[in-house]
Structure formats: C-alpha cells, structure tokens
Amino acid sequence: MTLRPEKMPLMKMQGSISTMNPAESKLAQFILDHPQDVVNSTIESLADKSDSSYAAISRFCKKTRIFGIQGVQESVD
C-alpha cells in the first residue's frame, strides 16, 4: 500500500495511535494492518472483523474526522 497526499487521514491515524484510548487504537491498528478488509466492509462487518462495536467505529470516525465508513475506505483504497 502506498500512502499518497490525498490519503492524509490514514497518515494522521497512524501518527495519533499513541493518543487514542484502547478501543480507538485497536481499531486504528486493525485498519492500518488490514486495509483490504476495510475497503470491502460494511460498518457492521468491520465491527465484527476488528472486534469493535458499531458505536465505537462511529465515534472513531468522528474523532479522526474521517466521515463514515466510506471515508475510512477511501483512506486505505
């Protein structure tokens, strides 16, 4: 996976893992480690794959300013 300038949310996520709470850092690390799983996932399947909840993913998206699952998917595609 190549990080391009338009993929800044992913780079921001990687740089801020140490400041996240445990649930957020776990989700962020899953996204960074499994980008193809994210691209092809619904929020429900991502929650299941990452052992997170729908609400945790929603809060994560708001906190990181990645708008919804599509924003997450666009960050890693």
C-alpha atoms as a PDB file:
ATOM      1  CA  MET A   1       0.000   0.000   0.000  1.00  0.00           C
ATOM      2  CA  THR A   2       1.350   3.410  -0.974  1.00  0.00           C
ATOM      3  CA  LEU A   3       0.336   6.467   1.034  1.00  0.00           C
ATOM      4  CA  ARG A   4      -0.368   9.407  -1.238  1.00  0.00           C
ATOM      5  CA  PRO A   5      -1.010  13.011  -0.097  1.00  0.00           C
ATOM      6  CA  GLU A   6      -4.756  12.538  -0.540  1.00  0.00           C
ATOM      7  CA  LYS A   7      -4.523   9.694   1.985  1.00  0.00           C
ATOM      8  CA  MET A   8      -3.656  12.042   4.849  1.00  0.00           C
ATOM      9  CA  PRO A   9      -6.363  10.672   7.180  1.00  0.00           C
ATOM     10  CA  LEU A  10      -4.536   7.344   7.213  1.00  0.00           C
ATOM     11  CA  MET A  11      -1.222   9.011   7.959  1.00  0.00           C
ATOM     12  CA  LYS A  12      -2.857  11.116  10.668  1.00  0.00           C
ATOM     13  CA  MET A  13      -4.382   7.964  12.153  1.00  0.00           C
ATOM     14  CA  GLN A  14      -1.012   6.242  12.242  1.00  0.00           C
ATOM     15  CA  GLY A  15       0.615   9.215  13.922  1.00  0.00           C
ATOM     16  CA  SER A  16      -2.005   9.562  16.624  1.00  0.00           C
ATOM     17  CA  ILE A  17      -2.459   5.960  17.773  1.00  0.00           C
ATOM     18  CA  SER A  18      -0.492   6.669  20.949  1.00  0.00           C
ATOM     19  CA  THR A  19      -3.011   9.344  21.972  1.00  0.00           C
ATOM     20  CA  MET A  20      -6.086   7.176  21.392  1.00  0.00           C
ATOM     21  CA  ASN A  21      -7.976   5.245  24.008  1.00  0.00           C
ATOM     22  CA  PRO A  22      -7.586   1.437  23.870  1.00  0.00           C
ATOM     23  CA  ALA A  23     -10.688   0.816  21.734  1.00  0.00           C
ATOM     24  CA  GLU A  24      -9.706   3.514  19.244  1.00  0.00           C
ATOM     25  CA  SER A  25      -6.086   2.409  18.984  1.00  0.00           C
ATOM     26  CA  LYS A  26      -7.173  -1.203  18.486  1.00  0.00           C
ATOM     27  CA  LEU A  27      -9.463  -0.157  15.624  1.00  0.00           C
ATOM     28  CA  ALA A  28      -6.843   2.145  14.090  1.00  0.00           C
ATOM     29  CA  GLN A  29      -4.244  -0.615  14.165  1.00  0.00           C
ATOM     30  CA  PHE A  30      -6.697  -3.033  12.553  1.00  0.00           C
ATOM     31  CA  ILE A  31      -7.388  -0.516   9.768  1.00  0.00           C
ATOM     32  CA  LEU A  32      -3.674   0.034   9.185  1.00  0.00           C
ATOM     33  CA  ASP A  33      -2.888  -3.689   9.265  1.00  0.00           C
ATOM     34  CA  HIS A  34      -5.836  -4.870   7.144  1.00  0.00           C
ATOM     35  CA  PRO A  35      -6.636  -2.158   4.592  1.00  0.00           C
ATOM     36  CA  GLN A  36      -8.256  -4.541   2.115  1.00  0.00           C
ATOM     37  CA  ASP A  37     -10.627  -5.840   4.780  1.00  0.00           C
ATOM     38  CA  VAL A  38     -11.729  -2.256   5.364  1.00  0.00           C
ATOM     39  CA  VAL A  39     -12.240  -1.417   1.708  1.00  0.00           C
ATOM     40  CA  ASN A  40     -14.662  -4.287   1.238  1.00  0.00           C
ATOM     41  CA  SER A  41     -16.518  -3.982   4.560  1.00  0.00           C
ATOM     42  CA  THR A  42     -19.721  -2.537   5.812  1.00  0.00           C
ATOM     43  CA  ILE A  43     -19.554  -0.868   9.206  1.00  0.00           C
ATOM     44  CA  GLU A  44     -21.172  -3.980  10.697  1.00  0.00           C
ATOM     45  CA  SER A  45     -18.662  -6.362   9.144  1.00  0.00           C
ATOM     46  CA  LEU A  46     -15.769  -4.076  10.095  1.00  0.00           C
ATOM     47  CA  ALA A  47     -17.019  -4.082  13.678  1.00  0.00           C
ATOM     48  CA  ASP A  48     -17.098  -7.868  13.628  1.00  0.00           C
ATOM     49  CA  LYS A  49     -13.688  -8.272  11.965  1.00  0.00           C
ATOM     50  CA  SER A  50     -11.988  -5.748  14.250  1.00  0.00           C
ATOM     51  CA  ASP A  51     -13.763  -6.911  17.417  1.00  0.00           C
ATOM     52  CA  SER A  52     -15.243  -3.419  17.807  1.00  0.00           C
ATOM     53  CA  SER A  53     -18.774  -2.113  18.011  1.00  0.00           C
ATOM     54  CA  TYR A  54     -20.772  -0.069  15.529  1.00  0.00           C
ATOM     55  CA  ALA A  55     -20.808   2.802  18.041  1.00  0.00           C
ATOM     56  CA  ALA A  56     -17.030   2.617  18.560  1.00  0.00           C
ATOM     57  CA  ILE A  57     -16.431   2.849  14.817  1.00  0.00           C
ATOM     58  CA  SER A  58     -18.835   5.760  14.524  1.00  0.00           C
ATOM     59  CA  ARG A  59     -17.090   7.623  17.370  1.00  0.00           C
ATOM     60  CA  PHE A  60     -13.705   6.810  15.855  1.00  0.00           C
ATOM     61  CA  CYS A  61     -14.764   8.296  12.510  1.00  0.00           C
ATOM     62  CA  LYS A  62     -15.972  11.479  14.180  1.00  0.00           C
ATOM     63  CA  LYS A  63     -12.879  11.833  16.344  1.00  0.00           C
ATOM     64  CA  THR A  64     -10.456  11.299  13.467  1.00  0.00           C
ATOM     65  CA  ARG A  65     -12.592  13.418  11.137  1.00  0.00           C
ATOM     66  CA  ILE A  66     -12.906  10.517   8.741  1.00  0.00           C
ATOM     67  CA  PHE A  67     -16.509  10.771   7.734  1.00  0.00           C
ATOM     68  CA  GLY A  68     -18.149   7.388   7.961  1.00  0.00           C
ATOM     69  CA  ILE A  69     -17.102   4.026   6.687  1.00  0.00           C
ATOM     70  CA  GLN A  70     -16.745   5.417   3.164  1.00  0.00           C
ATOM     71  CA  GLY A  71     -14.169   7.902   4.434  1.00  0.00           C
ATOM     72  CA  VAL A  72     -12.253   5.098   6.094  1.00  0.00           C
ATOM     73  CA  GLN A  73     -12.440   3.048   2.909  1.00  0.00           C
ATOM     74  CA  GLU A  74     -11.252   5.969   0.773  1.00  0.00           C
ATOM     75  CA  SER A  75      -8.313   6.456   3.136  1.00  0.00           C
ATOM     76  CA  VAL A  76      -6.984   2.965   2.503  1.00  0.00           C
ATOM     77  CA  ASP A  77      -8.106   2.297  -1.065  1.00  0.00           C
END
